[in-house]
Every structure is written in C-alpha cells, then in structure tokens.
PDB file of N, CA and C in Angstrom:
ATOM      1  N   UNK A   1       1.026  -0.858  -0.109  1.00  0.00           N
ATOM      2  CA  UNK A   1       0.061  -0.208  -0.324  1.00  0.00           C
ATOM      3  C   UNK A   1       1.174   0.909  -0.376  1.00  0.00           C
ATOM      4  N   UNK A   2       0.538   2.251  -0.876  1.00  0.00           N
ATOM      5  CA  UNK A   2       1.543   3.387  -0.801  1.00  0.00           C
ATOM      6  C   UNK A   2       0.213   4.734  -0.497  1.00  0.00           C
ATOM      7  N   UNK A   3       0.270   5.594   0.512  1.00  0.00           N
ATOM      8  CA  UNK A   3      -0.275   6.777   0.793  1.00  0.00           C
ATOM      9  C   UNK A   3       0.069   8.308   0.665  1.00  0.00           C
ATOM     10  N   UNK A   4       0.079   9.058   0.673  1.00  0.00           N
ATOM     11  CA  UNK A   4       0.112  10.112   0.738  1.00  0.00           C
ATOM     12  C   UNK A   4      -1.374  11.376   1.283  1.00  0.00           C
ATOM     13  N   UNK A   5       0.168  11.940   2.459  1.00  0.00           N
ATOM     14  CA  UNK A   5      -0.365  12.938   3.012  1.00  0.00           C
ATOM     15  C   UNK A   5      -0.007  14.475   3.048  1.00  0.00           C
ATOM     16  N   UNK A   6      -1.037  15.766   2.263  1.00  0.00           N
ATOM     17  CA  UNK A   6      -0.972  16.634   2.635  1.00  0.00           C
ATOM     18  C   UNK A   6      -1.290  17.769   3.321  1.00  0.00           C
ATOM     19  N   UNK A   7      -0.958  18.994   3.807  1.00  0.00           N
ATOM     20  CA  UNK A   7      -1.059  20.069   4.522  1.00  0.00           C
ATOM     21  C   UNK A   7      -0.567  21.101   4.035  1.00  0.00           C
ATOM     22  N   UNK A   8      -1.417  22.004   4.052  1.00  0.00           N
ATOM     23  CA  UNK A   8      -1.618  23.173   4.210  1.00  0.00           C
ATOM     24  C   UNK A   8      -2.260  24.580   4.977  1.00  0.00           C
ATOM     25  N   UNK A   9      -1.351  25.365   5.732  1.00  0.00           N
ATOM     26  CA  UNK A   9      -2.310  26.234   6.526  1.00  0.00           C
ATOM     27  C   UNK A   9      -2.926  27.025   5.472  1.00  0.00           C
ATOM     28  N   UNK A  10      -4.166  27.578   5.580  1.00  0.00           N
ATOM     29  CA  UNK A  10      -4.942  27.923   4.944  1.00  0.00           C
ATOM     30  C   UNK A  10      -5.235  29.541   5.518  1.00  0.00           C
ATOM     31  N   UNK A  11      -4.990  29.661   6.352  1.00  0.00           N
ATOM     32  CA  UNK A  11      -5.410  30.131   7.328  1.00  0.00           C
ATOM     33  C   UNK A  11      -4.678  30.867   8.607  1.00  0.00           C
ATOM     34  N   UNK A  12      -4.746  31.433   9.091  1.00  0.00           N
ATOM     35  CA  UNK A  12      -4.029  31.533  10.579  1.00  0.00           C
ATOM     36  C   UNK A  12      -4.294  30.604  11.657  1.00  0.00           C
ATOM     37  N   UNK A  13      -5.105  30.117  11.911  1.00  0.00           N
ATOM     38  CA  UNK A  13      -6.059  29.153  12.375  1.00  0.00           C
ATOM     39  C   UNK A  13      -6.838  27.742  12.039  1.00  0.00           C
ATOM     40  N   UNK A  14      -6.270  27.543  10.471  1.00  0.00           N
ATOM     41  CA  UNK A  14      -6.396  26.703  10.053  1.00  0.00           C
ATOM     42  C   UNK A  14      -5.861  25.997   8.755  1.00  0.00           C
ATOM     43  N   UNK A  15      -5.911  24.730   9.448  1.00  0.00           N
ATOM     44  CA  UNK A  15      -4.999  23.640   8.172  1.00  0.00           C
ATOM     45  C   UNK A  15      -6.089  23.211   7.210  1.00  0.00           C
ATOM     46  N   UNK A  16      -5.378  22.884   5.217  1.00  0.00           N
ATOM     47  CA  UNK A  16      -5.905  22.121   5.204  1.00  0.00           C
ATOM     48  C   UNK A  16      -5.263  20.856   4.967  1.00  0.00           C
ATOM     49  N   UNK A  17      -5.688  19.892   5.139  1.00  0.00           N
ATOM     50  CA  UNK A  17      -5.566  18.420   5.110  1.00  0.00           C
ATOM     51  C   UNK A  17      -6.033  17.162   4.403  1.00  0.00           C
ATOM     52  N   UNK A  18      -5.176  16.153   3.530  1.00  0.00           N
ATOM     53  CA  UNK A  18      -5.858  15.864   2.887  1.00  0.00           C
ATOM     54  C   UNK A  18      -5.064  14.124   2.981  1.00  0.00           C
ATOM     55  N   UNK A  19      -5.436  12.487   2.474  1.00  0.00           N
ATOM     56  CA  UNK A  19      -4.754  11.491   2.645  1.00  0.00           C
ATOM     57  C   UNK A  19      -5.699  11.422   0.872  1.00  0.00           C
ATOM     58  N   UNK A  20      -4.404  10.144   0.078  1.00  0.00           N
ATOM     59  CA  UNK A  20      -4.927   9.608  -0.534  1.00  0.00           C
ATOM     60  C   UNK A  20      -4.188   8.346  -0.947  1.00  0.00           C
ATOM     61  N   UNK A  21      -4.698   7.162  -1.024  1.00  0.00           N
ATOM     62  CA  UNK A  21      -3.771   5.765  -0.707  1.00  0.00           C
ATOM     63  C   UNK A  21      -4.214   4.761  -1.928  1.00  0.00           C
ATOM     64  N   UNK A  22      -3.408   4.248  -2.598  1.00  0.00           N
ATOM     65  CA  UNK A  22      -3.555   2.583  -3.455  1.00  0.00           C
ATOM     66  C   UNK A  22      -3.004   2.020  -3.031  1.00  0.00           C
ATOM     67  N   UNK A  23      -3.768   0.240  -2.933  1.00  0.00           N
ATOM     68  CA  UNK A  23      -3.491  -0.682  -2.164  1.00  0.00           C
ATOM     69  C   UNK A  23      -2.876  -1.686  -3.379  1.00  0.00           C
ATOM     70  N   UNK A  24      -3.499  -1.630  -4.636  1.00  0.00           N
ATOM     71  CA  UNK A  24      -2.717  -2.673  -5.589  1.00  0.00           C
ATOM     72  C   UNK A  24      -1.837  -2.284  -5.940  1.00  0.00           C
ATOM     73  N   UNK A  25      -0.218  -3.047  -5.836  1.00  0.00           N
ATOM     74  CA  UNK A  25       1.147  -1.850  -6.229  1.00  0.00           C
ATOM     75  C   UNK A  25       1.885  -3.463  -7.176  1.00  0.00           C
ATOM     76  N   UNK A  26       2.112  -3.133  -8.328  1.00  0.00           N
ATOM     77  CA  UNK A  26       2.710  -4.275  -9.081  1.00  0.00           C
ATOM     78  C   UNK A  26       4.653  -3.745  -8.514  1.00  0.00           C
ATOM     79  N   UNK A  27       4.904  -5.241  -8.347  1.00  0.00           N
ATOM     80  CA  UNK A  27       6.254  -5.153  -7.421  1.00  0.00           C
ATOM     81  C   UNK A  27       7.132  -6.246  -8.375  1.00  0.00           C
ATOM     82  N   UNK A  28       7.431  -5.794  -9.158  1.00  0.00           N
ATOM     83  CA  UNK A  28       8.131  -7.116 -10.332  1.00  0.00           C
ATOM     84  C   UNK A  28       9.939  -6.392  -9.988  1.00  0.00           C
ATOM     85  N   UNK A  29       9.805  -5.449  -9.710  1.00  0.00           N
ATOM     86  CA  UNK A  29      11.449  -4.954  -9.744  1.00  0.00           C
ATOM     87  C   UNK A  29      11.823  -3.622 -10.702  1.00  0.00           C
ATOM     88  N   UNK A  30      10.795  -3.390 -11.741  1.00  0.00           N
ATOM     89  CA  UNK A  30      10.686  -2.473 -12.973  1.00  0.00           C
ATOM     90  C   UNK A  30      10.210  -1.315 -11.851  1.00  0.00           C
ATOM     91  N   UNK A  31      10.390   0.022 -12.456  1.00  0.00           N
ATOM     92  CA  UNK A  31      10.022   1.417 -12.094  1.00  0.00           C
ATOM     93  C   UNK A  31       7.955   1.257 -12.496  1.00  0.00           C
ATOM     94  N   UNK A  32       7.751   2.131 -11.901  1.00  0.00           N
ATOM     95  CA  UNK A  32       6.081   2.384 -12.130  1.00  0.00           C
ATOM     96  C   UNK A  32       5.604   3.473 -11.583  1.00  0.00           C
ATOM     97  N   UNK A  33       4.828   4.696 -11.936  1.00  0.00           N
ATOM     98  CA  UNK A  33       4.198   5.266 -11.834  1.00  0.00           C
ATOM     99  C   UNK A  33       2.792   5.005 -11.736  1.00  0.00           C
ATOM    100  N   UNK A  34       2.309   5.678 -10.102  1.00  0.00           N
ATOM    101  CA  UNK A  34       1.181   6.194  -9.932  1.00  0.00           C
ATOM    102  C   UNK A  34       0.332   7.559  -9.523  1.00  0.00           C
ATOM    103  N   UNK A  35      -0.341   7.546  -9.926  1.00  0.00           N
ATOM    104  CA  UNK A  35      -0.847   8.953  -9.302  1.00  0.00           C
ATOM    105  C   UNK A  35      -2.242   8.658  -8.524  1.00  0.00           C
ATOM    106  N   UNK A  36      -2.158   9.588  -7.399  1.00  0.00           N
ATOM    107  CA  UNK A  36      -3.255  10.068  -6.605  1.00  0.00           C
ATOM    108  C   UNK A  36      -3.227  11.145  -6.501  1.00  0.00           C
ATOM    109  N   UNK A  37      -4.893  11.437  -6.364  1.00  0.00           N
ATOM    110  CA  UNK A  37      -5.396  13.144  -6.030  1.00  0.00           C
ATOM    111  C   UNK A  37      -5.778  13.261  -4.821  1.00  0.00           C
ATOM    112  N   UNK A  38      -5.379  13.837  -3.791  1.00  0.00           N
ATOM    113  CA  UNK A  38      -5.855  14.311  -2.979  1.00  0.00           C
ATOM    114  C   UNK A  38      -6.596  15.700  -2.510  1.00  0.00           C
ATOM    115  N   UNK A  39      -7.832  14.791  -2.030  1.00  0.00           N
ATOM    116  CA  UNK A  39      -8.894  16.282  -2.133  1.00  0.00           C
ATOM    117  C   UNK A  39      -9.221  16.191  -0.135  1.00  0.00           C
ATOM    118  N   UNK A  40      -9.335  17.528  -0.251  1.00  0.00           N
ATOM    119  CA  UNK A  40      -9.304  17.895   0.975  1.00  0.00           C
ATOM    120  C   UNK A  40     -10.414  16.799   2.502  1.00  0.00           C
ATOM    121  N   UNK A  41      -9.917  16.128   3.212  1.00  0.00           N
ATOM    122  CA  UNK A  41     -11.211  15.215   4.349  1.00  0.00           C
ATOM    123  C   UNK A  41     -12.114  15.626   4.852  1.00  0.00           C
ATOM    124  N   UNK A  42     -13.236  14.749   4.533  1.00  0.00           N
ATOM    125  CA  UNK A  42     -14.555  15.266   5.082  1.00  0.00           C
ATOM    126  C   UNK A  42     -14.001  14.487   6.461  1.00  0.00           C
ATOM    127  N   UNK A  43     -14.542  15.215   7.693  1.00  0.00           N
ATOM    128  CA  UNK A  43     -14.767  14.789   8.555  1.00  0.00           C
ATOM    129  C   UNK A  43     -13.566  14.935   9.432  1.00  0.00           C
ATOM    130  N   UNK A  44     -11.975  15.266   9.055  1.00  0.00           N
ATOM    131  CA  UNK A  44     -11.369  15.675   9.675  1.00  0.00           C
ATOM    132  C   UNK A  44     -10.359  14.362  10.467  1.00  0.00           C
ATOM    133  N   UNK A  45      -9.874  15.187  10.981  1.00  0.00           N
ATOM    134  CA  UNK A  45      -8.658  14.605  12.274  1.00  0.00           C
ATOM    135  C   UNK A  45      -9.872  14.553  13.689  1.00  0.00           C
ATOM    136  N   UNK A  46      -9.721  13.642  14.075  1.00  0.00           N
ATOM    137  CA  UNK A  46     -11.204  14.092  15.655  1.00  0.00           C
ATOM    138  C   UNK A  46     -10.400  15.216  16.031  1.00  0.00           C
ATOM    139  N   UNK A  47     -11.865  16.521  15.957  1.00  0.00           N
ATOM    140  CA  UNK A  47     -12.042  17.337  17.134  1.00  0.00           C
ATOM    141  C   UNK A  47     -11.774  18.308  16.044  1.00  0.00           C
ATOM    142  N   UNK A  48     -11.156  17.896  14.599  1.00  0.00           N
ATOM    143  CA  UNK A  48     -11.393  19.158  13.510  1.00  0.00           C
ATOM    144  C   UNK A  48     -12.170  19.384  13.079  1.00  0.00           C
ATOM    145  N   UNK A  49     -12.907  18.597  12.555  1.00  0.00           N
ATOM    146  CA  UNK A  49     -14.059  18.579  11.737  1.00  0.00           C
ATOM    147  C   UNK A  49     -13.511  19.077  10.369  1.00  0.00           C
ATOM    148  N   UNK A  50     -14.078  18.726   8.669  1.00  0.00           N
ATOM    149  CA  UNK A  50     -13.809  18.923   7.921  1.00  0.00           C
ATOM    150  C   UNK A  50     -12.657  20.158   7.430  1.00  0.00           C
ATOM    151  N   UNK A  51     -11.954  19.541   6.836  1.00  0.00           N
ATOM    152  CA  UNK A  51     -10.793  20.403   5.863  1.00  0.00           C
ATOM    153  C   UNK A  51     -11.590  21.700   4.884  1.00  0.00           C
ATOM    154  N   UNK A  52     -10.923  22.804   5.341  1.00  0.00           N
ATOM    155  CA  UNK A  52     -10.950  23.512   4.838  1.00  0.00           C
ATOM    156  C   UNK A  52     -10.306  23.369   2.794  1.00  0.00           C
ATOM    157  N   UNK A  53     -10.992  23.784   2.052  1.00  0.00           N
ATOM    158  CA  UNK A  53     -10.656  23.389   0.091  1.00  0.00           C
ATOM    159  C   UNK A  53      -8.806  24.204   0.942  1.00  0.00           C
ATOM    160  N   UNK A  54      -7.888  22.898   0.159  1.00  0.00           N
ATOM    161  CA  UNK A  54      -6.474  23.633  -0.704  1.00  0.00           C
ATOM    162  C   UNK A  54      -6.404  25.122  -1.271  1.00  0.00           C
ATOM    163  N   UNK A  55      -4.953  25.864  -1.242  1.00  0.00           N
ATOM    164  CA  UNK A  55      -5.496  27.080  -2.217  1.00  0.00           C
ATOM    165  C   UNK A  55      -3.869  26.861  -2.793  1.00  0.00           C
ATOM    166  N   UNK A  56      -3.946  27.613  -3.337  1.00  0.00           N
ATOM    167  CA  UNK A  56      -2.354  27.414  -4.269  1.00  0.00           C
ATOM    168  C   UNK A  56      -1.619  28.222  -2.947  1.00  0.00           C
ATOM    169  N   UNK A  57      -0.400  27.230  -3.606  1.00  0.00           N
ATOM    170  CA  UNK A  57       0.443  27.799  -2.628  1.00  0.00           C
ATOM    171  C   UNK A  57       1.195  26.753  -1.813  1.00  0.00           C
ATOM    172  N   UNK A  58       2.622  27.349  -1.027  1.00  0.00           N
ATOM    173  CA  UNK A  58       2.869  26.209  -0.389  1.00  0.00           C
ATOM    174  C   UNK A  58       2.189  25.218   0.123  1.00  0.00           C
ATOM    175  N   UNK A  59       2.877  23.532   0.412  1.00  0.00           N
ATOM    176  CA  UNK A  59       2.231  22.945   1.352  1.00  0.00           C
ATOM    177  C   UNK A  59       3.265  21.886   1.627  1.00  0.00           C
ATOM    178  N   UNK A  60       3.203  20.473   2.458  1.00  0.00           N
ATOM    179  CA  UNK A  60       3.467  19.764   2.820  1.00  0.00           C
ATOM    180  C   UNK A  60       3.801  18.619   2.644  1.00  0.00           C
ATOM    181  N   UNK A  61       3.767  17.599   2.344  1.00  0.00           N
ATOM    182  CA  UNK A  61       3.530  16.296   1.525  1.00  0.00           C
ATOM    183  C   UNK A  61       4.406  15.455   2.299  1.00  0.00           C
ATOM    184  N   UNK A  62       3.532  14.375   2.297  1.00  0.00           N
ATOM    185  CA  UNK A  62       4.612  12.928   3.062  1.00  0.00           C
ATOM    186  C   UNK A  62       3.549  11.572   2.005  1.00  0.00           C
ATOM    187  N   UNK A  63       4.760  10.945   2.308  1.00  0.00           N
ATOM    188  CA  UNK A  63       4.331   9.706   1.333  1.00  0.00           C
ATOM    189  C   UNK A  63       5.154   8.526   2.315  1.00  0.00           C
ATOM    190  N   UNK A  64       4.006   7.736   2.506  1.00  0.00           N
ATOM    191  CA  UNK A  64       4.063   6.061   2.511  1.00  0.00           C
ATOM    192  C   UNK A  64       4.813   4.771   2.162  1.00  0.00           C
ATOM    193  N   UNK A  65       4.768   4.273   2.131  1.00  0.00           N
ATOM    194  CA  UNK A  65       4.946   2.857   1.143  1.00  0.00           C
ATOM    195  C   UNK A  65       5.301   1.472   2.341  1.00  0.00           C
ATOM    196  N   UNK A  66       3.966   0.664   2.215  1.00  0.00           N
ATOM    197  CA  UNK A  66       4.339  -0.278   3.021  1.00  0.00           C
ATOM    198  C   UNK A  66       3.897  -1.568   2.473  1.00  0.00           C
ATOM    199  N   UNK A  67       5.172  -2.514   3.156  1.00  0.00           N
ATOM    200  CA  UNK A  67       4.139  -4.100   2.419  1.00  0.00           C
ATOM    201  C   UNK A  67       4.680  -5.107   3.320  1.00  0.00           C
ATOM    202  N   UNK A  68       4.197  -6.240   3.507  1.00  0.00           N
ATOM    203  CA  UNK A  68       4.491  -7.040   4.140  1.00  0.00           C
ATOM    204  C   UNK A  68       5.259  -6.923   5.048  1.00  0.00           C
ATOM    205  N   UNK A  69       6.553  -6.403   5.081  1.00  0.00           N
ATOM    206  CA  UNK A  69       7.475  -6.818   5.493  1.00  0.00           C
ATOM    207  C   UNK A  69       8.068  -5.732   6.090  1.00  0.00           C
ATOM    208  N   UNK A  70       8.063  -4.611   5.199  1.00  0.00           N
ATOM    209  CA  UNK A  70       8.763  -3.186   5.710  1.00  0.00           C
ATOM    210  C   UNK A  70       7.764  -2.224   5.512  1.00  0.00           C
ATOM    211  N   UNK A  71       8.647  -0.620   5.963  1.00  0.00           N
ATOM    212  CA  UNK A  71       7.533   0.304   5.054  1.00  0.00           C
ATOM    213  C   UNK A  71       8.731   1.432   5.184  1.00  0.00           C
ATOM    214  N   UNK A  72       8.519   2.712   4.662  1.00  0.00           N
ATOM    215  CA  UNK A  72       9.062   3.572   4.596  1.00  0.00           C
ATOM    216  C   UNK A  72       8.749   4.867   4.646  1.00  0.00           C
ATOM    217  N   UNK A  73       8.564   5.939   4.789  1.00  0.00           N
ATOM    218  CA  UNK A  73       8.056   7.331   5.147  1.00  0.00           C
ATOM    219  C   UNK A  73       9.380   8.417   4.129  1.00  0.00           C
ATOM    220  N   UNK A  74       8.316   8.915   3.239  1.00  0.00           N
ATOM    221  CA  UNK A  74       9.392   9.884   2.715  1.00  0.00           C
ATOM    222  C   UNK A  74       8.585  11.223   3.479  1.00  0.00           C
ATOM    223  N   UNK A  75       9.716  12.336   3.281  1.00  0.00           N
ATOM    224  CA  UNK A  75       8.997  13.460   3.576  1.00  0.00           C
ATOM    225  C   UNK A  75       9.242  13.504   5.390  1.00  0.00           C
ATOM    226  N   UNK A  76       8.561  14.772   5.344  1.00  0.00           N
ATOM    227  CA  UNK A  76       7.861  15.649   4.822  1.00  0.00           C
ATOM    228  C   UNK A  76       9.010  16.522   4.057  1.00  0.00           C
ATOM    229  N   UNK A  77       8.122  16.987   3.128  1.00  0.00           N
ATOM    230  CA  UNK A  77       8.607  18.238   1.795  1.00  0.00           C
ATOM    231  C   UNK A  77       7.477  19.061   1.504  1.00  0.00           C
ATOM    232  N   UNK A  78       8.599  20.180   1.364  1.00  0.00           N
ATOM    233  CA  UNK A  78       7.790  21.134   0.532  1.00  0.00           C
ATOM    234  C   UNK A  78       7.020  21.438  -0.593  1.00  0.00           C
ATOM    235  N   UNK A  79       6.225  21.565  -1.196  1.00  0.00           N
ATOM    236  CA  UNK A  79       5.863  21.598  -2.825  1.00  0.00           C
ATOM    237  C   UNK A  79       4.730  22.925  -2.810  1.00  0.00           C
ATOM    238  N   UNK A  80       4.185  23.029  -3.871  1.00  0.00           N
ATOM    239  CA  UNK A  80       3.790  24.050  -4.854  1.00  0.00           C
ATOM    240  C   UNK A  80       2.218  23.731  -5.082  1.00  0.00           C
ATOM    241  N   UNK A  81       1.520  24.169  -4.660  1.00  0.00           N
ATOM    242  CA  UNK A  81       0.256  23.568  -5.285  1.00  0.00           C
ATOM    243  C   UNK A  81       0.001  24.682  -6.200  1.00  0.00           C
ATOM    244  N   UNK A  82      -0.695  24.078  -7.630  1.00  0.00           N
ATOM    245  CA  UNK A  82      -1.013  24.946  -8.307  1.00  0.00           C
ATOM    246  C   UNK A  82      -2.529  24.238  -8.806  1.00  0.00           C
ATOM    247  N   UNK A  83      -3.101  25.440  -9.558  1.00  0.00           N
ATOM    248  CA  UNK A  83      -4.350  24.911  -9.863  1.00  0.00           C
ATOM    249  C   UNK A  83      -4.013  24.779 -11.661  1.00  0.00           C
TER     250      UNK A  83
END
C-alpha cells in the first residue's frame, strides 16, 4: 500500500489536510508510476471537523509505502500547489 498526505496552512488557525492511498501495487523490480489525487478530508482529524479547501501555494507532503515486511516514509517535503 502507498499513501500520500498533504497539509497546508490556509489561514492563521486553519489547516487544510487530505490523504489518498492505493492498495494495489506492482512489485516486479521495474519502476512504475502511480497517480494519487488528494482531496481535502471530510470528517477531518478527531476534533477538527472538515478540512477547508486547499489553496494555491506552499504545502507539505508526506508519503509512505508499506509492504508485508517493511515500510518507508518520505518527507515531510515542501511542495507548491497549483490550479
């Protein structure tokens, strides 16, 4: 499984957040490209409610890849969101 989480400060006290994942990965030793569309969460994190929408600008992304044997995390890394 692979997952991507994006968080972005959209106002002084508001953080937009969203996660996307894919469960089926090809593991044959060759490189493969996957596309994950990350949308703002509904229901949010406990106590935070729905996420506000993402805005154009800087955000932080973290990715995680898990197998039956191990997992690896990349990030956090600053990215720029565009429309």
